[in-house]
PDB file of N, CA and C in Angstrom:
ATOM      1  N   UNK A   1     102.411 110.890  91.561  1.00  0.00           N
ATOM      2  CA  UNK A   1     103.603 111.281  90.835  1.00  0.00           C
ATOM      3  C   UNK A   1     104.202 110.049  90.157  1.00  0.00           C
ATOM      4  N   UNK A   2     104.601 110.221  88.914  1.00  0.00           N
ATOM      5  CA  UNK A   2     105.311 109.158  88.209  1.00  0.00           C
ATOM      6  C   UNK A   2     106.721 109.052  88.786  1.00  0.00           C
ATOM      7  N   UNK A   3     107.160 107.820  89.005  1.00  0.00           N
ATOM      8  CA  UNK A   3     108.516 107.653  89.519  1.00  0.00           C
ATOM      9  C   UNK A   3     109.559 108.061  88.485  1.00  0.00           C
ATOM     10  N   UNK A   4     109.309 107.726  87.226  1.00  0.00           N
ATOM     11  CA  UNK A   4     110.291 108.038  86.186  1.00  0.00           C
ATOM     12  C   UNK A   4     109.694 108.919  85.098  1.00  0.00           C
ATOM     13  N   UNK A   5     110.427 109.949  84.737  1.00  0.00           N
ATOM     14  CA  UNK A   5     110.088 110.720  83.545  1.00  0.00           C
ATOM     15  C   UNK A   5     110.820 110.059  82.386  1.00  0.00           C
ATOM     16  N   UNK A   6     110.446 110.379  81.177  1.00  0.00           N
ATOM     17  CA  UNK A   6     111.110 109.797  79.998  1.00  0.00           C
ATOM     18  C   UNK A   6     112.613 110.121  79.970  1.00  0.00           C
ATOM     19  N   UNK A   7     113.026 111.387  80.228  1.00  0.00           N
ATOM     20  CA  UNK A   7     114.467 111.682  80.212  1.00  0.00           C
ATOM     21  C   UNK A   7     115.247 110.912  81.293  1.00  0.00           C
ATOM     22  N   UNK A   8     114.670 110.756  82.482  1.00  0.00           N
ATOM     23  CA  UNK A   8     115.351 110.008  83.542  1.00  0.00           C
ATOM     24  C   UNK A   8     115.468 108.544  83.142  1.00  0.00           C
ATOM     25  N   UNK A   9     114.382 107.970  82.639  1.00  0.00           N
ATOM     26  CA  UNK A   9     114.410 106.573  82.222  1.00  0.00           C
ATOM     27  C   UNK A   9     115.443 106.349  81.112  1.00  0.00           C
ATOM     28  N   UNK A  10     115.503 107.267  80.163  1.00  0.00           N
ATOM     29  CA  UNK A  10     116.455 107.150  79.056  1.00  0.00           C
ATOM     30  C   UNK A  10     117.898 107.142  79.581  1.00  0.00           C
ATOM     31  N   UNK A  11     118.213 108.019  80.522  1.00  0.00           N
ATOM     32  CA  UNK A  11     119.563 108.091  81.081  1.00  0.00           C
ATOM     33  C   UNK A  11     119.889 106.830  81.881  1.00  0.00           C
ATOM     34  N   UNK A  12     118.942 106.351  82.686  1.00  0.00           N
ATOM     35  CA  UNK A  12     119.150 105.123  83.462  1.00  0.00           C
ATOM     36  C   UNK A  12     119.419 103.936  82.541  1.00  0.00           C
ATOM     37  N   UNK A  13     118.653 103.826  81.472  1.00  0.00           N
ATOM     38  CA  UNK A  13     118.835 102.707  80.532  1.00  0.00           C
ATOM     39  C   UNK A  13     120.156 102.827  79.770  1.00  0.00           C
ATOM     40  N   UNK A  14     120.533 104.045  79.421  1.00  0.00           N
ATOM     41  CA  UNK A  14     121.827 104.250  78.746  1.00  0.00           C
ATOM     42  C   UNK A  14     122.978 103.848  79.666  1.00  0.00           C
ATOM     43  N   UNK A  15     122.888 104.203  80.935  1.00  0.00           N
ATOM     44  CA  UNK A  15     123.924 103.809  81.890  1.00  0.00           C
ATOM     45  C   UNK A  15     123.995 102.292  82.023  1.00  0.00           C
ATOM     46  N   UNK A  16     122.844 101.631  82.033  1.00  0.00           N
ATOM     47  CA  UNK A  16     122.822 100.173  82.132  1.00  0.00           C
ATOM     48  C   UNK A  16     123.506  99.531  80.934  1.00  0.00           C
ATOM     49  N   UNK A  17     123.226 100.064  79.748  1.00  0.00           N
ATOM     50  CA  UNK A  17     123.824  99.520  78.525  1.00  0.00           C
ATOM     51  C   UNK A  17     125.332  99.756  78.481  1.00  0.00           C
ATOM     52  N   UNK A  18     125.801 100.837  79.102  1.00  0.00           N
ATOM     53  CA  UNK A  18     127.226 101.188  79.065  1.00  0.00           C
ATOM     54  C   UNK A  18     128.015 100.653  80.264  1.00  0.00           C
ATOM     55  N   UNK A  19     127.361  99.961  81.176  1.00  0.00           N
ATOM     56  CA  UNK A  19     128.029  99.518  82.401  1.00  0.00           C
ATOM     57  C   UNK A  19     129.200  98.595  82.095  1.00  0.00           C
ATOM     58  N   UNK A  20     130.318  98.902  82.743  1.00  0.00           N
ATOM     59  CA  UNK A  20     131.531  98.102  82.556  1.00  0.00           C
ATOM     60  C   UNK A  20     131.935  97.362  83.825  1.00  0.00           C
ATOM     61  N   UNK A  21     131.056  97.374  84.826  1.00  0.00           N
ATOM     62  CA  UNK A  21     131.340  96.690  86.076  1.00  0.00           C
ATOM     63  C   UNK A  21     132.028  97.547  87.116  1.00  0.00           C
ATOM     64  N   UNK A  22     132.339  98.795  86.777  1.00  0.00           N
ATOM     65  CA  UNK A  22     133.095  99.653  87.693  1.00  0.00           C
ATOM     66  C   UNK A  22     132.234 100.311  88.767  1.00  0.00           C
ATOM     67  N   UNK A  23     130.934 100.354  88.568  1.00  0.00           N
ATOM     68  CA  UNK A  23     130.008 101.011  89.499  1.00  0.00           C
ATOM     69  C   UNK A  23     130.369 102.484  89.689  1.00  0.00           C
ATOM     70  N   UNK A  24     130.876 103.095  88.626  1.00  0.00           N
ATOM     71  CA  UNK A  24     131.358 104.472  88.715  1.00  0.00           C
ATOM     72  C   UNK A  24     130.350 105.519  88.243  1.00  0.00           C
ATOM     73  N   UNK A  25     129.168 105.098  87.849  1.00  0.00           N
ATOM     74  CA  UNK A  25     128.183 106.070  87.390  1.00  0.00           C
ATOM     75  C   UNK A  25     127.677 106.931  88.539  1.00  0.00           C
ATOM     76  N   UNK A  26     127.204 108.100  88.184  1.00  0.00           N
ATOM     77  CA  UNK A  26     126.567 108.978  89.160  1.00  0.00           C
ATOM     78  C   UNK A  26     125.096 108.619  89.290  1.00  0.00           C
ATOM     79  N   UNK A  27     124.528 108.938  90.426  1.00  0.00           N
ATOM     80  CA  UNK A  27     123.097 108.707  90.635  1.00  0.00           C
ATOM     81  C   UNK A  27     122.303 109.637  89.720  1.00  0.00           C
ATOM     82  N   UNK A  28     121.341 109.074  89.039  1.00  0.00           N
ATOM     83  CA  UNK A  28     120.502 109.827  88.118  1.00  0.00           C
ATOM     84  C   UNK A  28     119.223 110.299  88.811  1.00  0.00           C
ATOM     85  N   UNK A  29     118.728 109.493  89.750  1.00  0.00           N
ATOM     86  CA  UNK A  29     117.453 109.784  90.393  1.00  0.00           C
ATOM     87  C   UNK A  29     117.497 109.321  91.850  1.00  0.00           C
ATOM     88  N   UNK A  30     116.735 110.012  92.678  1.00  0.00           N
ATOM     89  CA  UNK A  30     116.587 109.620  94.079  1.00  0.00           C
ATOM     90  C   UNK A  30     115.109 109.392  94.359  1.00  0.00           C
ATOM     91  N   UNK A  31     114.801 108.234  94.952  1.00  0.00           N
ATOM     92  CA  UNK A  31     113.458 107.929  95.430  1.00  0.00           C
ATOM     93  C   UNK A  31     113.506 107.889  96.951  1.00  0.00           C
ATOM     94  N   UNK A  32     112.385 108.177  97.587  1.00  0.00           N
ATOM     95  CA  UNK A  32     112.349 108.137  99.046  1.00  0.00           C
ATOM     96  C   UNK A  32     110.947 107.803  99.533  1.00  0.00           C
ATOM     97  N   UNK A  33     110.888 107.327 100.774  1.00  0.00           N
ATOM     98  CA  UNK A  33     109.628 107.052 101.446  1.00  0.00           C
ATOM     99  C   UNK A  33     109.268 108.313 102.232  1.00  0.00           C
ATOM    100  N   UNK A  34     108.192 109.009 101.860  1.00  0.00           N
ATOM    101  CA  UNK A  34     107.860 110.271 102.531  1.00  0.00           C
ATOM    102  C   UNK A  34     107.431 110.105 103.994  1.00  0.00           C
ATOM    103  N   UNK A  35     107.156 108.882 104.406  1.00  0.00           N
ATOM    104  CA  UNK A  35     106.734 108.649 105.786  1.00  0.00           C
ATOM    105  C   UNK A  35     107.735 107.786 106.548  1.00  0.00           C
ATOM    106  N   UNK A  36     108.907 107.576 105.966  1.00  0.00           N
ATOM    107  CA  UNK A  36     109.913 106.731 106.606  1.00  0.00           C
ATOM    108  C   UNK A  36     111.313 107.234 106.320  1.00  0.00           C
ATOM    109  N   UNK A  37     112.280 106.371 106.540  1.00  0.00           N
ATOM    110  CA  UNK A  37     113.681 106.768 106.387  1.00  0.00           C
ATOM    111  C   UNK A  37     114.358 106.132 105.178  1.00  0.00           C
ATOM    112  N   UNK A  38     113.635 105.421 104.348  1.00  0.00           N
ATOM    113  CA  UNK A  38     114.226 104.719 103.209  1.00  0.00           C
ATOM    114  C   UNK A  38     114.470 105.650 102.028  1.00  0.00           C
ATOM    115  N   UNK A  39     115.579 105.390 101.325  1.00  0.00           N
ATOM    116  CA  UNK A  39     115.873 106.135 100.099  1.00  0.00           C
ATOM    117  C   UNK A  39     116.678 105.271  99.153  1.00  0.00           C
ATOM    118  N   UNK A  40     116.555 105.568  97.873  1.00  0.00           N
ATOM    119  CA  UNK A  40     117.250 104.835  96.824  1.00  0.00           C
ATOM    120  C   UNK A  40     117.842 105.853  95.864  1.00  0.00           C
ATOM    121  N   UNK A  41     119.138 105.735  95.596  1.00  0.00           N
ATOM    122  CA  UNK A  41     119.857 106.596  94.658  1.00  0.00           C
ATOM    123  C   UNK A  41     120.252 105.705  93.490  1.00  0.00           C
ATOM    124  N   UNK A  42     119.593 105.858  92.359  1.00  0.00           N
ATOM    125  CA  UNK A  42     119.743 104.897  91.277  1.00  0.00           C
ATOM    126  C   UNK A  42     120.500 105.458  90.087  1.00  0.00           C
ATOM    127  N   UNK A  43     121.323 104.588  89.493  1.00  0.00           N
ATOM    128  CA  UNK A  43     122.136 104.997  88.352  1.00  0.00           C
ATOM    129  C   UNK A  43     121.821 104.225  87.081  1.00  0.00           C
ATOM    130  N   UNK A  44     121.164 103.071  87.203  1.00  0.00           N
ATOM    131  CA  UNK A  44     120.932 102.212  86.039  1.00  0.00           C
ATOM    132  C   UNK A  44     119.563 101.562  86.095  1.00  0.00           C
ATOM    133  N   UNK A  45     119.059 101.192  84.931  1.00  0.00           N
ATOM    134  CA  UNK A  45     117.801 100.464  84.824  1.00  0.00           C
ATOM    135  C   UNK A  45     117.901  99.523  83.638  1.00  0.00           C
ATOM    136  N   UNK A  46     117.721  98.209  83.885  1.00  0.00           N
ATOM    137  CA  UNK A  46     117.856  97.239  82.793  1.00  0.00           C
ATOM    138  C   UNK A  46     116.522  96.998  82.093  1.00  0.00           C
ATOM    139  N   UNK A  47     116.528  96.101  81.116  1.00  0.00           N
ATOM    140  CA  UNK A  47     115.330  95.828  80.313  1.00  0.00           C
ATOM    141  C   UNK A  47     114.215  95.157  81.105  1.00  0.00           C
ATOM    142  N   UNK A  48     114.541  94.589  82.266  1.00  0.00           N
ATOM    143  CA  UNK A  48     113.537  93.951  83.123  1.00  0.00           C
ATOM    144  C   UNK A  48     113.034  94.890  84.218  1.00  0.00           C
ATOM    145  N   UNK A  49     113.371  96.177  84.080  1.00  0.00           N
ATOM    146  CA  UNK A  49     112.993  97.208  85.065  1.00  0.00           C
ATOM    147  C   UNK A  49     113.563  96.936  86.453  1.00  0.00           C
ATOM    148  N   UNK A  50     114.789  96.412  86.459  1.00  0.00           N
ATOM    149  CA  UNK A  50     115.550  96.238  87.686  1.00  0.00           C
ATOM    150  C   UNK A  50     116.590  97.354  87.705  1.00  0.00           C
ATOM    151  N   UNK A  51     116.578  98.141  88.774  1.00  0.00           N
ATOM    152  CA  UNK A  51     117.479  99.287  88.889  1.00  0.00           C
ATOM    153  C   UNK A  51     118.656  98.941  89.791  1.00  0.00           C
ATOM    154  N   UNK A  52     119.760  99.651  89.584  1.00  0.00           N
ATOM    155  CA  UNK A  52     120.948  99.479  90.416  1.00  0.00           C
ATOM    156  C   UNK A  52     121.315 100.819  91.024  1.00  0.00           C
ATOM    157  N   UNK A  53     121.774 100.773  92.268  1.00  0.00           N
ATOM    158  CA  UNK A  53     122.231 101.986  92.923  1.00  0.00           C
ATOM    159  C   UNK A  53     122.446 101.754  94.404  1.00  0.00           C
ATOM    160  N   UNK A  54     122.419 102.841  95.153  1.00  0.00           N
ATOM    161  CA  UNK A  54     122.566 102.767  96.609  1.00  0.00           C
ATOM    162  C   UNK A  54     121.171 102.642  97.205  1.00  0.00           C
ATOM    163  N   UNK A  55     120.992 101.597  97.999  1.00  0.00           N
ATOM    164  CA  UNK A  55     119.721 101.347  98.665  1.00  0.00           C
ATOM    165  C   UNK A  55     119.926 101.564 100.159  1.00  0.00           C
ATOM    166  N   UNK A  56     119.152 102.457 100.742  1.00  0.00           N
ATOM    167  CA  UNK A  56     119.263 102.770 102.164  1.00  0.00           C
ATOM    168  C   UNK A  56     117.879 102.624 102.784  1.00  0.00           C
ATOM    169  N   UNK A  57     117.702 101.563 103.560  1.00  0.00           N
ATOM    170  CA  UNK A  57     116.403 101.300 104.175  1.00  0.00           C
ATOM    171  C   UNK A  57     116.239 101.992 105.515  1.00  0.00           C
ATOM    172  N   UNK A  58     117.183 102.892 105.833  1.00  0.00           N
ATOM    173  CA  UNK A  58     117.061 103.699 107.030  1.00  0.00           C
ATOM    174  C   UNK A  58     117.473 103.000 108.309  1.00  0.00           C
ATOM    175  N   UNK A  59     118.229 101.911 108.191  1.00  0.00           N
ATOM    176  CA  UNK A  59     118.658 101.163 109.371  1.00  0.00           C
ATOM    177  C   UNK A  59     120.152 101.319 109.635  1.00  0.00           C
ATOM    178  N   UNK A  60     120.781 102.297 108.957  1.00  0.00           N
ATOM    179  CA  UNK A  60     122.195 102.548 109.167  1.00  0.00           C
ATOM    180  C   UNK A  60     123.126 101.621 108.404  1.00  0.00           C
ATOM    181  N   UNK A  61     122.577 100.878 107.431  1.00  0.00           N
ATOM    182  CA  UNK A  61     123.393  99.949 106.656  1.00  0.00           C
ATOM    183  C   UNK A  61     123.128 100.103 105.158  1.00  0.00           C
ATOM    184  N   UNK A  62     123.399 101.274 104.577  1.00  0.00           N
ATOM    185  CA  UNK A  62     123.177 101.438 103.143  1.00  0.00           C
ATOM    186  C   UNK A  62     124.117 100.535 102.364  1.00  0.00           C
ATOM    187  N   UNK A  63     123.693 100.122 101.162  1.00  0.00           N
ATOM    188  CA  UNK A  63     124.526  99.252 100.347  1.00  0.00           C
ATOM    189  C   UNK A  63     124.217  99.429  98.873  1.00  0.00           C
ATOM    190  N   UNK A  64     125.187  99.036  98.049  1.00  0.00           N
ATOM    191  CA  UNK A  64     124.954  98.970  96.619  1.00  0.00           C
ATOM    192  C   UNK A  64     124.096  97.750  96.362  1.00  0.00           C
ATOM    193  N   UNK A  65     123.110  97.899  95.492  1.00  0.00           N
ATOM    194  CA  UNK A  65     122.268  96.751  95.221  1.00  0.00           C
ATOM    195  C   UNK A  65     121.258  97.014  94.130  1.00  0.00           C
ATOM    196  N   UNK A  66     120.418  96.030  93.927  1.00  0.00           N
ATOM    197  CA  UNK A  66     119.395  96.066  92.887  1.00  0.00           C
ATOM    198  C   UNK A  66     118.018  96.152  93.522  1.00  0.00           C
ATOM    199  N   UNK A  67     117.111  96.820  92.831  1.00  0.00           N
ATOM    200  CA  UNK A  67     115.738  96.928  93.301  1.00  0.00           C
ATOM    201  C   UNK A  67     114.808  96.934  92.092  1.00  0.00           C
ATOM    202  N   UNK A  68     113.697  96.274  92.232  1.00  0.00           N
ATOM    203  CA  UNK A  68     112.688  96.219  91.181  1.00  0.00           C
ATOM    204  C   UNK A  68     111.829  97.476  91.223  1.00  0.00           C
ATOM    205  N   UNK A  69     111.630  98.097  90.068  1.00  0.00           N
ATOM    206  CA  UNK A  69     110.745  99.268  90.023  1.00  0.00           C
ATOM    207  C   UNK A  69     109.319  98.882  90.410  1.00  0.00           C
ATOM    208  N   UNK A  70     108.900  97.682  90.012  1.00  0.00           N
ATOM    209  CA  UNK A  70     107.553  97.224  90.377  1.00  0.00           C
ATOM    210  C   UNK A  70     107.427  97.118  91.896  1.00  0.00           C
ATOM    211  N   UNK A  71     108.478  96.652  92.551  1.00  0.00           N
ATOM    212  CA  UNK A  71     108.458  96.553  94.010  1.00  0.00           C
ATOM    213  C   UNK A  71     108.372  97.943  94.642  1.00  0.00           C
ATOM    214  N   UNK A  72     109.168  98.886  94.134  1.00  0.00           N
ATOM    215  CA  UNK A  72     109.106 100.246  94.668  1.00  0.00           C
ATOM    216  C   UNK A  72     107.713 100.842  94.495  1.00  0.00           C
ATOM    217  N   UNK A  73     107.113 100.603  93.338  1.00  0.00           N
ATOM    218  CA  UNK A  73     105.782 101.149  93.069  1.00  0.00           C
ATOM    219  C   UNK A  73     104.718 100.530  93.969  1.00  0.00           C
ATOM    220  N   UNK A  74     104.958  99.315  94.443  1.00  0.00           N
ATOM    221  CA  UNK A  74     103.951  98.617  95.254  1.00  0.00           C
ATOM    222  C   UNK A  74     104.017  98.986  96.732  1.00  0.00           C
ATOM    223  N   UNK A  75     105.078  99.631  97.175  1.00  0.00           N
ATOM    224  CA  UNK A  75     105.239  99.956  98.591  1.00  0.00           C
ATOM    225  C   UNK A  75     104.227 101.023  99.005  1.00  0.00           C
ATOM    226  N   UNK A  76     103.550 100.745 100.086  1.00  0.00           N
ATOM    227  CA  UNK A  76     102.622 101.717 100.676  1.00  0.00           C
ATOM    228  C   UNK A  76     103.028 101.899 102.133  1.00  0.00           C
ATOM    229  N   UNK A  77     103.416 103.109 102.462  1.00  0.00           N
ATOM    230  CA  UNK A  77     103.829 103.421 103.821  1.00  0.00           C
ATOM    231  C   UNK A  77     102.665 103.919 104.641  1.00  0.00           C
ATOM    232  N   UNK A  78     102.983 104.659 105.670  1.00  0.00           N
ATOM    233  CA  UNK A  78     101.953 105.237 106.533  1.00  0.00           C
ATOM    234  C   UNK A  78     100.983 106.078 105.704  1.00  0.00           C
ATOM    235  N   UNK A  79      99.731 106.032 106.078  1.00  0.00           N
ATOM    236  CA  UNK A  79      98.665 106.802 105.411  1.00  0.00           C
ATOM    237  C   UNK A  79      98.465 106.379 103.956  1.00  0.00           C
ATOM    238  N   UNK A  80      99.026 105.218 103.567  1.00  0.00           N
ATOM    239  CA  UNK A  80      98.870 104.718 102.211  1.00  0.00           C
ATOM    240  C   UNK A  80      99.724 105.432 101.178  1.00  0.00           C
ATOM    241  N   UNK A  81     100.690 106.230 101.642  1.00  0.00           N
ATOM    242  CA  UNK A  81     101.545 106.971 100.708  1.00  0.00           C
ATOM    243  C   UNK A  81     102.596 106.049 100.099  1.00  0.00           C
ATOM    244  N   UNK A  82     102.859 106.249  98.823  1.00  0.00           N
ATOM    245  CA  UNK A  82     103.851 105.450  98.115  1.00  0.00           C
ATOM    246  C   UNK A  82     105.201 106.140  98.050  1.00  0.00           C
ATOM    247  N   UNK A  83     106.134 105.455  97.420  1.00  0.00           N
ATOM    248  CA  UNK A  83     107.475 105.982  97.221  1.00  0.00           C
ATOM    249  C   UNK A  83     107.391 107.162  96.247  1.00  0.00           C
ATOM    250  N   UNK A  84     108.203 108.184  96.490  1.00  0.00           N
ATOM    251  CA  UNK A  84     108.201 109.382  95.650  1.00  0.00           C
ATOM    252  C   UNK A  84     109.585 109.645  95.073  1.00  0.00           C
ATOM    253  N   UNK A  85     109.599 110.390  93.973  1.00  0.00           N
ATOM    254  CA  UNK A  85     110.854 110.843  93.374  1.00  0.00           C
ATOM    255  C   UNK A  85     111.184 112.209  93.950  1.00  0.00           C
ATOM    256  N   UNK A  86     112.444 112.395  94.308  1.00  0.00           N
ATOM    257  CA  UNK A  86     112.895 113.698  94.811  1.00  0.00           C
ATOM    258  C   UNK A  86     113.080 114.622  93.609  1.00  0.00           C
ATOM    259  N   UNK A  87     112.132 115.527  93.435  1.00  0.00           N
ATOM    260  CA  UNK A  87     112.174 116.442  92.287  1.00  0.00           C
ATOM    261  C   UNK A  87     113.331 117.424  92.363  1.00  0.00           C
ATOM    262  N   UNK A  88     113.910 117.584  93.552  1.00  0.00           N
ATOM    263  CA  UNK A  88     114.981 118.563  93.743  1.00  0.00           C
ATOM    264  C   UNK A  88     116.362 117.923  93.815  1.00  0.00           C
ATOM    265  N   UNK A  89     116.433 116.611  93.597  1.00  0.00           N
ATOM    266  CA  UNK A  89     117.718 115.925  93.606  1.00  0.00           C
ATOM    267  C   UNK A  89     118.547 116.394  92.417  1.00  0.00           C
ATOM    268  N   UNK A  90     119.801 116.711  92.674  1.00  0.00           N
ATOM    269  CA  UNK A  90     120.710 117.200  91.632  1.00  0.00           C
ATOM    270  C   UNK A  90     121.278 116.006  90.867  1.00  0.00           C
ATOM    271  N   UNK A  91     120.599 115.628  89.799  1.00  0.00           N
ATOM    272  CA  UNK A  91     120.959 114.466  89.001  1.00  0.00           C
ATOM    273  C   UNK A  91     122.402 114.537  88.509  1.00  0.00           C
ATOM    274  N   UNK A  92     123.079 113.418  88.605  1.00  0.00           N
ATOM    275  CA  UNK A  92     124.447 113.245  88.120  1.00  0.00           C
ATOM    276  C   UNK A  92     125.490 114.057  88.874  1.00  0.00           C
ATOM    277  N   UNK A  93     125.157 114.581  90.041  1.00  0.00           N
ATOM    278  CA  UNK A  93     126.124 115.344  90.829  1.00  0.00           C
ATOM    279  C   UNK A  93     126.968 114.434  91.729  1.00  0.00           C
ATOM    280  N   UNK A  94     126.367 113.340  92.207  1.00  0.00           N
ATOM    281  CA  UNK A  94     127.032 112.480  93.176  1.00  0.00           C
ATOM    282  C   UNK A  94     127.266 111.083  92.614  1.00  0.00           C
ATOM    283  N   UNK A  95     128.475 110.579  92.771  1.00  0.00           N
ATOM    284  CA  UNK A  95     128.786 109.208  92.397  1.00  0.00           C
ATOM    285  C   UNK A  95     128.217 108.243  93.424  1.00  0.00           C
ATOM    286  N   UNK A  96     127.913 107.035  92.996  1.00  0.00           N
ATOM    287  CA  UNK A  96     127.336 106.049  93.898  1.00  0.00           C
ATOM    288  C   UNK A  96     128.221 105.774  95.101  1.00  0.00           C
ATOM    289  N   UNK A  97     129.518 105.638  94.870  1.00  0.00           N
ATOM    290  CA  UNK A  97     130.426 105.338  95.981  1.00  0.00           C
ATOM    291  C   UNK A  97     130.524 106.511  96.955  1.00  0.00           C
ATOM    292  N   UNK A  98     130.451 107.736  96.442  1.00  0.00           N
ATOM    293  CA  UNK A  98     130.433 108.921  97.303  1.00  0.00           C
ATOM    294  C   UNK A  98     129.164 108.946  98.164  1.00  0.00           C
ATOM    295  N   UNK A  99     128.039 108.633  97.547  1.00  0.00           N
ATOM    296  CA  UNK A  99     126.773 108.597  98.280  1.00  0.00           C
ATOM    297  C   UNK A  99     126.837 107.539  99.371  1.00  0.00           C
ATOM    298  N   UNK A 100     127.329 106.366  99.018  1.00  0.00           N
ATOM    299  CA  UNK A 100     127.428 105.271  99.981  1.00  0.00           C
ATOM    300  C   UNK A 100     128.293 105.660 101.174  1.00  0.00           C
ATOM    301  N   UNK A 101     129.435 106.276 100.900  1.00  0.00           N
ATOM    302  CA  UNK A 101     130.337 106.700 101.970  1.00  0.00           C
ATOM    303  C   UNK A 101     129.666 107.729 102.884  1.00  0.00           C
ATOM    304  N   UNK A 102     128.985 108.695 102.281  1.00  0.00           N
ATOM    305  CA  UNK A 102     128.333 109.740 103.077  1.00  0.00           C
ATOM    306  C   UNK A 102     127.207 109.161 103.945  1.00  0.00           C
ATOM    307  N   UNK A 103     126.413 108.266 103.370  1.00  0.00           N
ATOM    308  CA  UNK A 103     125.324 107.673 104.132  1.00  0.00           C
ATOM    309  C   UNK A 103     125.846 106.824 105.287  1.00  0.00           C
ATOM    310  N   UNK A 104     126.942 106.112 105.060  1.00  0.00           N
ATOM    311  CA  UNK A 104     127.517 105.291 106.125  1.00  0.00           C
ATOM    312  C   UNK A 104     128.030 106.146 107.275  1.00  0.00           C
ATOM    313  N   UNK A 105     128.400 107.384 106.981  1.00  0.00           N
ATOM    314  CA  UNK A 105     128.847 108.307 108.030  1.00  0.00           C
ATOM    315  C   UNK A 105     127.670 109.020 108.684  1.00  0.00           C
ATOM    316  N   UNK A 106     126.462 108.755 108.193  1.00  0.00           N
ATOM    317  CA  UNK A 106     125.274 109.395 108.759  1.00  0.00           C
ATOM    318  C   UNK A 106     124.898 110.705 108.104  1.00  0.00           C
ATOM    319  N   UNK A 107     125.560 111.047 107.008  1.00  0.00           N
ATOM    320  CA  UNK A 107     125.280 112.286 106.278  1.00  0.00           C
ATOM    321  C   UNK A 107     124.141 112.049 105.281  1.00  0.00           C
ATOM    322  N   UNK A 108     122.957 112.545 105.588  1.00  0.00           N
ATOM    323  CA  UNK A 108     121.797 112.370 104.714  1.00  0.00           C
ATOM    324  C   UNK A 108     121.420 113.681 104.024  1.00  0.00           C
ATOM    325  N   UNK A 109     122.392 114.554 103.821  1.00  0.00           N
ATOM    326  CA  UNK A 109     122.112 115.854 103.210  1.00  0.00           C
ATOM    327  C   UNK A 109     122.242 115.827 101.693  1.00  0.00           C
ATOM    328  N   UNK A 110     122.315 114.678 101.119  1.00  0.00           N
ATOM    329  CA  UNK A 110     122.482 114.537  99.661  1.00  0.00           C
ATOM    330  C   UNK A 110     121.186 114.885  98.967  1.00  0.00           C
TER     331      UNK A 110
END
């Protein structure tokens, strides 16, 4: 599976270009490790393919941060499975700060 479709990439790049430092954008895409507890809710993607959003490595300490798409693509979990895009994630429904708050409370139903 491709991590990014053209429409998702276009929205992520538009958000990056419009960023004003407020971190108020909604998550456009969710990636997850199908064999682990890690997930990434991303709102922006810059020209160097560095994404910004909520990064949750499944250790109970989610945070706002940056992640390289190349790094995500290189991850191989159990059985050699890579990171996947959540095809059922409701794009632009949740703000990054809302996601962060929910994850910190242990709510992973996003």
